Amino acid sequence: MRLASAAWAVLLIGLVPTWATRPVAQTEPLRVLASNGVKAVMEGLLPESERVAGRPLSTTFDTSAAIRQSISAGEPFDVAILTTETLDNLATTGGIVAGSVAALGQSGIGIGVRTGAARPDIATPAALERALLQAPSLTYAGDGASRVHISRMLDVLGIAEAVKGKTVLEQGSVRATSRVATGETTFVITLISEILPISGIELLGPLPPEFQNYVSFAAGVGSKARAPEAARALVAFLAGPRTRPAFLAKGIDRP
């Protein structure tokens, strides 16, 4: 009898549908495309963001310009966190759901140096000019949102040609800040939110008021989002009052 029971058990196991023995599929990640300018704050808010969205986040960081090209080329995504100007343009062209764009805050431009390096004065235009001329090298993102403001500042100071030969235009702020952290380059000029979180470098200071400009960030839902409800929940959370301290701590002010 025992042998017969065992045989029947084996037979019944063989008849169990394959779907019943498969592990339950995990919730599909929410696809997020985000600017380097919000990388640190998004990484810090990841656990709470995933709880709010009800699913894991799969986030790709790059410059807003590069991400806009990816979206235009058809890359799938649920939420985009980019410069406000870029998101507004995408909402106009159909890449972002009209009316879903929510402001997150803005970051000014500053200069970063390697931790422990000399800290020259940059508080006034004259002091900044001296510091830039005396620095052995400097770098900034050639495709970054702050480049236009940096170029204008160098032109106004009249030193664009003088520093051209020692300037390294990098692809993205991550590579630019890395150059300073490793000692390859003396200064990095970029958004303060892209300087504060980086290990190995520290904020020398913001640009003087005469040259200061701000880049604002916003979040929006992709027009072809696979999880639109989760995407809207994430955008609302990021733009809400609970996240303001996290943004401020990483150099992004929310008026």
C-alpha atoms as a PDB file:
ATOM      1  CA  MET A   1       0.000   0.000   0.000  1.00  0.00           C
ATOM      2  CA  ARG A   2       2.787   2.358   0.836  1.00  0.00           C
ATOM      3  CA  LEU A   3       4.425   1.718  -2.531  1.00  0.00           C
ATOM      4  CA  ALA A   4       1.148   2.310  -4.332  1.00  0.00           C
ATOM      5  CA  SER A   5       0.599   5.585  -2.444  1.00  0.00           C
ATOM      6  CA  ALA A   6       4.073   6.771  -3.325  1.00  0.00           C
ATOM      7  CA  ALA A   7       3.506   5.948  -6.970  1.00  0.00           C
ATOM      8  CA  TRP A   8       0.245   7.881  -7.027  1.00  0.00           C
ATOM      9  CA  ALA A   9       1.976  10.860  -5.368  1.00  0.00           C
ATOM     10  CA  VAL A  10       4.652  10.941  -8.052  1.00  0.00           C
ATOM     11  CA  LEU A  11       1.986  10.720 -10.742  1.00  0.00           C
ATOM     12  CA  LEU A  12      -0.035  13.559  -9.231  1.00  0.00           C
ATOM     13  CA  ILE A  13       3.029  15.792  -8.952  1.00  0.00           C
ATOM     14  CA  GLY A  14       3.675  15.226 -12.607  1.00  0.00           C
ATOM     15  CA  LEU A  15       0.134  16.340 -13.405  1.00  0.00           C
ATOM     16  CA  VAL A  16       0.410  19.661 -11.526  1.00  0.00           C
ATOM     17  CA  PRO A  17       0.264  22.532 -14.091  1.00  0.00           C
ATOM     18  CA  THR A  18       3.622  24.165 -14.703  1.00  0.00           C
ATOM     19  CA  TRP A  19       2.225  27.599 -13.806  1.00  0.00           C
ATOM     20  CA  ALA A  20       1.507  26.406 -10.294  1.00  0.00           C
ATOM     21  CA  THR A  21       5.160  25.603  -9.636  1.00  0.00           C
ATOM     22  CA  ARG A  22       6.600  28.821 -11.072  1.00  0.00           C
ATOM     23  CA  PRO A  23       7.651  31.610  -8.683  1.00  0.00           C
ATOM     24  CA  VAL A  24       5.322  34.601  -8.635  1.00  0.00           C
ATOM     25  CA  ALA A  25       6.704  37.285 -10.963  1.00  0.00           C
ATOM     26  CA  GLN A  26       8.024  40.355  -9.230  1.00  0.00           C
ATOM     27  CA  THR A  27       6.447  43.749  -9.842  1.00  0.00           C
ATOM     28  CA  GLU A  28       7.937  45.368 -12.916  1.00  0.00           C
ATOM     29  CA  PRO A  29      10.300  48.232 -11.989  1.00  0.00           C
ATOM     30  CA  LEU A  30       9.294  51.828 -12.553  1.00  0.00           C
ATOM     31  CA  ARG A  31      11.608  53.163 -15.262  1.00  0.00           C
ATOM     32  CA  VAL A  32      13.029  56.597 -14.334  1.00  0.00           C
ATOM     33  CA  LEU A  33      15.289  58.795 -16.475  1.00  0.00           C
ATOM     34  CA  ALA A  34      16.965  61.485 -14.363  1.00  0.00           C
ATOM     35  CA  SER A  35      19.437  64.323 -14.693  1.00  0.00           C
ATOM     36  CA  ASN A  36      22.825  64.059 -13.001  1.00  0.00           C
ATOM     37  CA  GLY A  37      21.807  67.175 -11.080  1.00  0.00           C
ATOM     38  CA  VAL A  38      19.327  65.190  -8.969  1.00  0.00           C
ATOM     39  CA  LYS A  39      21.352  61.965  -8.704  1.00  0.00           C
ATOM     40  CA  ALA A  40      22.348  62.339  -5.060  1.00  0.00           C
ATOM     41  CA  VAL A  41      18.900  63.285  -3.803  1.00  0.00           C
ATOM     42  CA  MET A  42      17.220  60.499  -5.787  1.00  0.00           C
ATOM     43  CA  GLU A  43      19.634  57.925  -4.394  1.00  0.00           C
ATOM     44  CA  GLY A  44      18.928  59.174  -0.870  1.00  0.00           C
ATOM     45  CA  LEU A  45      15.165  59.037  -1.401  1.00  0.00           C
ATOM     46  CA  LEU A  46      15.202  55.635  -3.106  1.00  0.00           C
ATOM     47  CA  PRO A  47      13.697  53.494  -0.318  1.00  0.00           C
ATOM     48  CA  GLU A  48      10.814  55.897   0.319  1.00  0.00           C
ATOM     49  CA  SER A  49      10.305  56.492  -3.404  1.00  0.00           C
ATOM     50  CA  GLU A  50       9.897  52.760  -3.964  1.00  0.00           C
ATOM     51  CA  ARG A  51       7.388  52.496  -1.124  1.00  0.00           C
ATOM     52  CA  VAL A  52       5.344  55.355  -2.559  1.00  0.00           C
ATOM     53  CA  ALA A  53       5.449  53.936  -6.081  1.00  0.00           C
ATOM     54  CA  GLY A  54       4.683  50.444  -4.852  1.00  0.00           C
ATOM     55  CA  ARG A  55       7.437  48.934  -6.962  1.00  0.00           C
ATOM     56  CA  PRO A  56      11.230  49.075  -7.387  1.00  0.00           C
ATOM     57  CA  LEU A  57      12.785  51.937  -9.336  1.00  0.00           C
ATOM     58  CA  SER A  58      15.165  51.406 -12.245  1.00  0.00           C
ATOM     59  CA  THR A  59      16.897  54.759 -12.705  1.00  0.00           C
ATOM     60  CA  THR A  60      19.286  55.932 -15.414  1.00  0.00           C
ATOM     61  CA  PHE A  61      21.244  59.144 -14.789  1.00  0.00           C
ATOM     62  CA  ASP A  62      22.708  61.351 -17.523  1.00  0.00           C
ATOM     63  CA  THR A  63      22.623  64.941 -18.714  1.00  0.00           C
ATOM     64  CA  SER A  64      19.200  66.357 -19.534  1.00  0.00           C
ATOM     65  CA  ALA A  65      20.326  66.859 -23.145  1.00  0.00           C
ATOM     66  CA  ALA A  66      21.366  63.215 -23.510  1.00  0.00           C
ATOM     67  CA  ILE A  67      18.156  61.946 -21.917  1.00  0.00           C
ATOM     68  CA  ARG A  68      16.059  64.128 -24.186  1.00  0.00           C
ATOM     69  CA  GLN A  69      17.756  62.513 -27.173  1.00  0.00           C
ATOM     70  CA  SER A  70      17.047  59.062 -25.754  1.00  0.00           C
ATOM     71  CA  ILE A  71      13.381  59.914 -25.250  1.00  0.00           C
ATOM     72  CA  SER A  72      13.134  61.303 -28.772  1.00  0.00           C
ATOM     73  CA  ALA A  73      14.669  58.048 -30.032  1.00  0.00           C
ATOM     74  CA  GLY A  74      11.892  56.091 -28.346  1.00  0.00           C
ATOM     75  CA  GLU A  75      13.474  54.851 -25.111  1.00  0.00           C
ATOM     76  CA  PRO A  76      10.686  53.609 -22.816  1.00  0.00           C
ATOM     77  CA  PHE A  77      10.251  55.267 -19.428  1.00  0.00           C
ATOM     78  CA  ASP A  78       7.650  56.076 -16.798  1.00  0.00           C
ATOM     79  CA  VAL A  79       9.059  59.204 -15.127  1.00  0.00           C
ATOM     80  CA  ALA A  80      11.556  61.810 -16.311  1.00  0.00           C
ATOM     81  CA  ILE A  81      13.353  64.159 -13.892  1.00  0.00           C
ATOM     82  CA  LEU A  82      15.145  66.789 -15.940  1.00  0.00           C
ATOM     83  CA  THR A  83      15.653  70.521 -16.248  1.00  0.00           C
ATOM     84  CA  THR A  84      12.329  72.333 -16.321  1.00  0.00           C
ATOM     85  CA  GLU A  85      13.038  73.713 -19.780  1.00  0.00           C
ATOM     86  CA  THR A  86      13.679  70.235 -21.169  1.00  0.00           C
ATOM     87  CA  LEU A  87      10.533  68.775 -19.588  1.00  0.00           C
ATOM     88  CA  ASP A  88       8.377  71.652 -20.838  1.00  0.00           C
ATOM     89  CA  ASN A  89       9.688  71.039 -24.354  1.00  0.00           C
ATOM     90  CA  LEU A  90       8.963  67.317 -24.080  1.00  0.00           C
ATOM     91  CA  ALA A  91       5.442  68.074 -22.848  1.00  0.00           C
ATOM     92  CA  THR A  92       4.929  70.236 -25.921  1.00  0.00           C
ATOM     93  CA  THR A  93       6.210  67.579 -28.321  1.00  0.00           C
ATOM     94  CA  GLY A  94       4.294  64.738 -26.670  1.00  0.00           C
ATOM     95  CA  GLY A  95       7.004  62.872 -24.766  1.00  0.00           C
ATOM     96  CA  ILE A  96       5.621  63.938 -21.392  1.00  0.00           C
ATOM     97  CA  VAL A  97       1.965  63.975 -20.335  1.00  0.00           C
ATOM     98  CA  ALA A  98       0.728  67.553 -20.553  1.00  0.00           C
ATOM     99  CA  GLY A  99      -0.087  68.869 -17.085  1.00  0.00           C
ATOM    100  CA  SER A 100       1.976  66.231 -15.267  1.00  0.00           C
ATOM    101  CA  VAL A 101       5.110  68.377 -14.880  1.00  0.00           C
ATOM    102  CA  ALA A 102       5.826  69.301 -11.251  1.00  0.00           C
ATOM    103  CA  ALA A 103       8.593  71.643 -10.038  1.00  0.00           C
ATOM    104  CA  LEU A 104      11.230  70.151  -7.736  1.00  0.00           C
ATOM    105  CA  GLY A 105      13.622  73.041  -7.081  1.00  0.00           C
ATOM    106  CA  GLN A 106      16.668  74.828  -8.425  1.00  0.00           C
ATOM    107  CA  SER A 107      20.430  74.709  -7.982  1.00  0.00           C
ATOM    108  CA  GLY A 108      23.025  77.434  -8.447  1.00  0.00           C
ATOM    109  CA  ILE A 109      26.462  77.078 -10.025  1.00  0.00           C
ATOM    110  CA  GLY A 110      29.600  76.673  -7.958  1.00  0.00           C
ATOM    111  CA  ILE A 111      33.226  75.610  -8.083  1.00  0.00           C
ATOM    112  CA  GLY A 112      34.520  72.403  -6.575  1.00  0.00           C
ATOM    113  CA  VAL A 113      38.072  71.532  -5.516  1.00  0.00           C
ATOM    114  CA  ARG A 114      39.737  68.365  -4.323  1.00  0.00           C
ATOM    115  CA  THR A 115      39.264  67.781  -0.596  1.00  0.00           C
ATOM    116  CA  GLY A 116      42.114  69.422   1.314  1.00  0.00           C
ATOM    117  CA  ALA A 117      43.325  71.486  -1.669  1.00  0.00           C
ATOM    118  CA  ALA A 118      44.042  75.208  -1.544  1.00  0.00           C
ATOM    119  CA  ARG A 119      40.913  77.362  -1.345  1.00  0.00           C
ATOM    120  CA  PRO A 120      41.425  80.636  -3.224  1.00  0.00           C
ATOM    121  CA  ASP A 121      38.942  83.476  -2.900  1.00  0.00           C
ATOM    122  CA  ILE A 122      36.173  83.484  -5.549  1.00  0.00           C
ATOM    123  CA  ALA A 123      33.663  85.748  -3.791  1.00  0.00           C
ATOM    124  CA  THR A 124      33.963  88.673  -6.213  1.00  0.00           C
ATOM    125  CA  PRO A 125      34.408  88.894  -9.995  1.00  0.00           C
ATOM    126  CA  ALA A 126      37.991  90.146  -9.574  1.00  0.00           C
ATOM    127  CA  ALA A 127      38.864  87.350  -7.135  1.00  0.00           C
ATOM    128  CA  LEU A 128      37.226  84.753  -9.368  1.00  0.00           C
ATOM    129  CA  GLU A 129      39.164  85.996 -12.389  1.00  0.00           C
ATOM    130  CA  ARG A 130      42.462  85.665 -10.507  1.00  0.00           C
ATOM    131  CA  ALA A 131      41.590  82.188  -9.266  1.00  0.00           C
ATOM    132  CA  LEU A 132      40.645  80.932 -12.728  1.00  0.00           C
ATOM    133  CA  LEU A 133      43.764  82.404 -14.342  1.00  0.00           C
ATOM    134  CA  GLN A 134      46.051  80.969 -11.672  1.00  0.00           C
ATOM    135  CA  ALA A 135      44.481  77.504 -11.583  1.00  0.00           C
ATOM    136  CA  PRO A 136      46.601  74.941 -13.469  1.00  0.00           C
ATOM    137  CA  SER A 137      43.466  73.380 -14.979  1.00  0.00           C
ATOM    138  CA  LEU A 138      39.691  73.369 -14.870  1.00  0.00           C
ATOM    139  CA  THR A 139      36.837  71.290 -16.183  1.00  0.00           C
ATOM    140  CA  TYR A 140      33.087  71.360 -16.691  1.00  0.00           C
ATOM    141  CA  ALA A 141      30.500  69.365 -18.597  1.00  0.00           C
ATOM    142  CA  GLY A 142      30.414  70.285 -22.251  1.00  0.00           C
ATOM    143  CA  ASP A 143      26.847  68.975 -22.484  1.00  0.00           C
ATOM    144  CA  GLY A 144      25.676  70.174 -19.060  1.00  0.00           C
ATOM    145  CA  ALA A 145      22.824  72.567 -18.347  1.00  0.00           C
ATOM    146  CA  SER A 146      25.205  75.094 -16.780  1.00  0.00           C
ATOM    147  CA  ARG A 147      27.621  75.321 -19.730  1.00  0.00           C
ATOM    148  CA  VAL A 148      25.908  78.296 -21.351  1.00  0.00           C
ATOM    149  CA  HIS A 149      26.186  80.267 -18.109  1.00  0.00           C
ATOM    150  CA  ILE A 150      29.836  79.300 -17.609  1.00  0.00           C
ATOM    151  CA  SER A 151      30.734  80.334 -21.164  1.00  0.00           C
ATOM    152  CA  ARG A 152      28.989  83.665 -20.697  1.00  0.00           C
ATOM    153  CA  MET A 153      30.854  84.278 -17.429  1.00  0.00           C
ATOM    154  CA  LEU A 154      34.246  83.603 -19.037  1.00  0.00           C
ATOM    155  CA  ASP A 155      33.373  85.945 -21.893  1.00  0.00           C
ATOM    156  CA  VAL A 156      32.308  88.726 -19.536  1.00  0.00           C
ATOM    157  CA  LEU A 157      35.504  88.309 -17.514  1.00  0.00           C
ATOM    158  CA  GLY A 158      37.444  88.461 -20.769  1.00  0.00           C
ATOM    159  CA  ILE A 159      39.432  85.296 -20.038  1.00  0.00           C
ATOM    160  CA  ALA A 160      37.760  82.749 -22.336  1.00  0.00           C
ATOM    161  CA  GLU A 161      40.812  82.487 -24.590  1.00  0.00           C
ATOM    162  CA  ALA A 162      43.263  82.597 -21.695  1.00  0.00           C
ATOM    163  CA  VAL A 163      41.773  79.518 -20.000  1.00  0.00           C
ATOM    164  CA  LYS A 164      40.798  77.620 -23.142  1.00  0.00           C
ATOM    165  CA  GLY A 165      44.060  75.685 -23.351  1.00  0.00           C
ATOM    166  CA  LYS A 166      43.777  74.342 -19.796  1.00  0.00           C
ATOM    167  CA  THR A 167      40.062  73.582 -19.856  1.00  0.00           C
ATOM    168  CA  VAL A 168      38.778  70.020 -20.216  1.00  0.00           C
ATOM    169  CA  LEU A 169      35.229  69.749 -21.508  1.00  0.00           C
ATOM    170  CA  GLU A 170      33.884  66.479 -20.160  1.00  0.00           C
ATOM    171  CA  GLN A 171      30.825  64.429 -20.997  1.00  0.00           C
ATOM    172  CA  GLY A 172      28.568  64.939 -18.012  1.00  0.00           C
ATOM    173  CA  SER A 173      29.253  66.264 -14.530  1.00  0.00           C
ATOM    174  CA  VAL A 174      30.066  62.834 -13.103  1.00  0.00           C
ATOM    175  CA  ARG A 175      33.175  62.541 -15.228  1.00  0.00           C
ATOM    176  CA  ALA A 176      34.052  66.191 -14.651  1.00  0.00           C
ATOM    177  CA  THR A 177      33.876  65.939 -10.850  1.00  0.00           C
ATOM    178  CA  SER A 178      35.793  62.668 -10.980  1.00  0.00           C
ATOM    179  CA  ARG A 179      38.718  64.473 -12.593  1.00  0.00           C
ATOM    180  CA  VAL A 180      38.978  66.804  -9.624  1.00  0.00           C
ATOM    181  CA  ALA A 181      38.522  64.036  -7.056  1.00  0.00           C
ATOM    182  CA  THR A 182      41.481  62.142  -8.557  1.00  0.00           C
ATOM    183  CA  GLY A 183      43.633  65.261  -8.799  1.00  0.00           C
ATOM    184  CA  GLU A 184      43.731  65.353 -12.602  1.00  0.00           C
ATOM    185  CA  THR A 185      42.095  68.778 -12.661  1.00  0.00           C
ATOM    186  CA  THR A 186      42.141  71.684 -10.202  1.00  0.00           C
ATOM    187  CA  PHE A 187      38.637  73.155 -10.497  1.00  0.00           C
ATOM    188  CA  VAL A 188      35.269  71.838 -11.607  1.00  0.00           C
ATOM    189  CA  ILE A 189      32.546  74.346 -12.435  1.00  0.00           C
ATOM    190  CA  THR A 190      29.086  72.849 -12.270  1.00  0.00           C
ATOM    191  CA  LEU A 191      25.820  72.860 -10.344  1.00  0.00           C
ATOM    192  CA  ILE A 192      26.234  72.877  -6.576  1.00  0.00           C
ATOM    193  CA  SER A 193      23.939  69.840  -6.408  1.00  0.00           C
ATOM    194  CA  GLU A 194      26.520  67.991  -8.512  1.00  0.00           C
ATOM    195  CA  ILE A 195      29.413  68.969  -6.201  1.00  0.00           C
ATOM    196  CA  LEU A 196      28.138  68.494  -2.650  1.00  0.00           C
ATOM    197  CA  PRO A 197      27.504  64.724  -2.804  1.00  0.00           C
ATOM    198  CA  ILE A 198      30.796  63.727  -4.444  1.00  0.00           C
ATOM    199  CA  SER A 199      33.380  62.023  -2.274  1.00  0.00           C
ATOM    200  CA  GLY A 200      36.847  63.497  -2.641  1.00  0.00           C
ATOM    201  CA  ILE A 201      35.809  67.025  -3.586  1.00  0.00           C
ATOM    202  CA  GLU A 202      34.324  69.948  -1.691  1.00  0.00           C
ATOM    203  CA  LEU A 203      32.499  73.116  -2.574  1.00  0.00           C
ATOM    204  CA  LEU A 204      34.899  76.045  -2.874  1.00  0.00           C
ATOM    205  CA  GLY A 205      31.902  78.346  -3.120  1.00  0.00           C
ATOM    206  CA  PRO A 206      29.088  79.550  -5.353  1.00  0.00           C
ATOM    207  CA  LEU A 207      29.805  81.877  -8.241  1.00  0.00           C
ATOM    208  CA  PRO A 208      29.602  85.578  -7.343  1.00  0.00           C
ATOM    209  CA  PRO A 209      26.089  87.066  -7.613  1.00  0.00           C
ATOM    210  CA  GLU A 210      27.093  88.882 -10.810  1.00  0.00           C
ATOM    211  CA  PHE A 211      27.547  85.517 -12.544  1.00  0.00           C
ATOM    212  CA  GLN A 212      25.196  83.291 -10.606  1.00  0.00           C
ATOM    213  CA  ASN A 213      22.481  81.505 -12.507  1.00  0.00           C
ATOM    214  CA  TYR A 214      20.090  78.773 -11.485  1.00  0.00           C
ATOM    215  CA  VAL A 215      19.017  75.602 -13.205  1.00  0.00           C
ATOM    216  CA  SER A 216      15.582  74.365 -12.178  1.00  0.00           C
ATOM    217  CA  PHE A 217      14.449  70.751 -12.142  1.00  0.00           C
ATOM    218  CA  ALA A 218      11.043  69.167 -12.578  1.00  0.00           C
ATOM    219  CA  ALA A 219       9.486  65.718 -12.845  1.00  0.00           C
ATOM    220  CA  GLY A 220       6.882  64.478 -15.284  1.00  0.00           C
ATOM    221  CA  VAL A 221       5.061  61.322 -16.379  1.00  0.00           C
ATOM    222  CA  GLY A 222       5.988  59.719 -19.688  1.00  0.00           C
ATOM    223  CA  SER A 223       3.230  59.771 -22.293  1.00  0.00           C
ATOM    224  CA  LYS A 224       3.757  56.029 -22.859  1.00  0.00           C
ATOM    225  CA  ALA A 225       4.330  55.094 -19.223  1.00  0.00           C
ATOM    226  CA  ARG A 226       3.639  51.437 -18.516  1.00  0.00           C
ATOM    227  CA  ALA A 227       2.682  52.214 -14.925  1.00  0.00           C
ATOM    228  CA  PRO A 228       1.054  55.683 -15.077  1.00  0.00           C
ATOM    229  CA  GLU A 229      -0.541  55.530 -11.611  1.00  0.00           C
ATOM    230  CA  ALA A 230       2.744  54.620  -9.923  1.00  0.00           C
ATOM    231  CA  ALA A 231       4.488  57.292 -11.998  1.00  0.00           C
ATOM    232  CA  ARG A 232       2.029  59.978 -10.861  1.00  0.00           C
ATOM    233  CA  ALA A 233       2.436  58.882  -7.247  1.00  0.00           C
ATOM    234  CA  LEU A 234       6.225  59.203  -7.493  1.00  0.00           C
ATOM    235  CA  VAL A 235       6.059  62.659  -9.092  1.00  0.00           C
ATOM    236  CA  ALA A 236       3.630  63.890  -6.433  1.00  0.00           C
ATOM    237  CA  PHE A 237       5.873  62.545  -3.666  1.00  0.00           C
ATOM    238  CA  LEU A 238       9.038  64.145  -5.050  1.00  0.00           C
ATOM    239  CA  ALA A 239       7.319  67.510  -5.478  1.00  0.00           C
ATOM    240  CA  GLY A 240       5.682  67.386  -2.051  1.00  0.00           C
ATOM    241  CA  PRO A 241       6.780  69.038   1.220  1.00  0.00           C
ATOM    242  CA  ARG A 242       8.151  65.830   2.758  1.00  0.00           C
ATOM    243  CA  THR A 243      11.099  65.754   0.370  1.00  0.00           C
ATOM    244  CA  ARG A 244      12.122  69.417   0.661  1.00  0.00           C
ATOM    245  CA  PRO A 245      14.795  68.806   3.362  1.00  0.00           C
ATOM    246  CA  ALA A 246      16.381  66.064   1.245  1.00  0.00           C
ATOM    247  CA  PHE A 247      16.610  68.359  -1.776  1.00  0.00           C
ATOM    248  CA  LEU A 248      18.030  71.229   0.306  1.00  0.00           C
ATOM    249  CA  ALA A 249      20.698  68.964   1.792  1.00  0.00           C
ATOM    250  CA  LYS A 250      21.958  68.160  -1.713  1.00  0.00           C
ATOM    251  CA  GLY A 251      22.079  71.745  -2.951  1.00  0.00           C
ATOM    252  CA  ILE A 252      18.637  72.035  -4.562  1.00  0.00           C
ATOM    253  CA  ASP A 253      16.558  74.879  -3.160  1.00  0.00           C
ATOM    254  CA  ARG A 254      12.783  74.790  -3.313  1.00  0.00           C
ATOM    255  CA  PRO A 255      11.386  78.337  -3.002  1.00  0.00           C
END
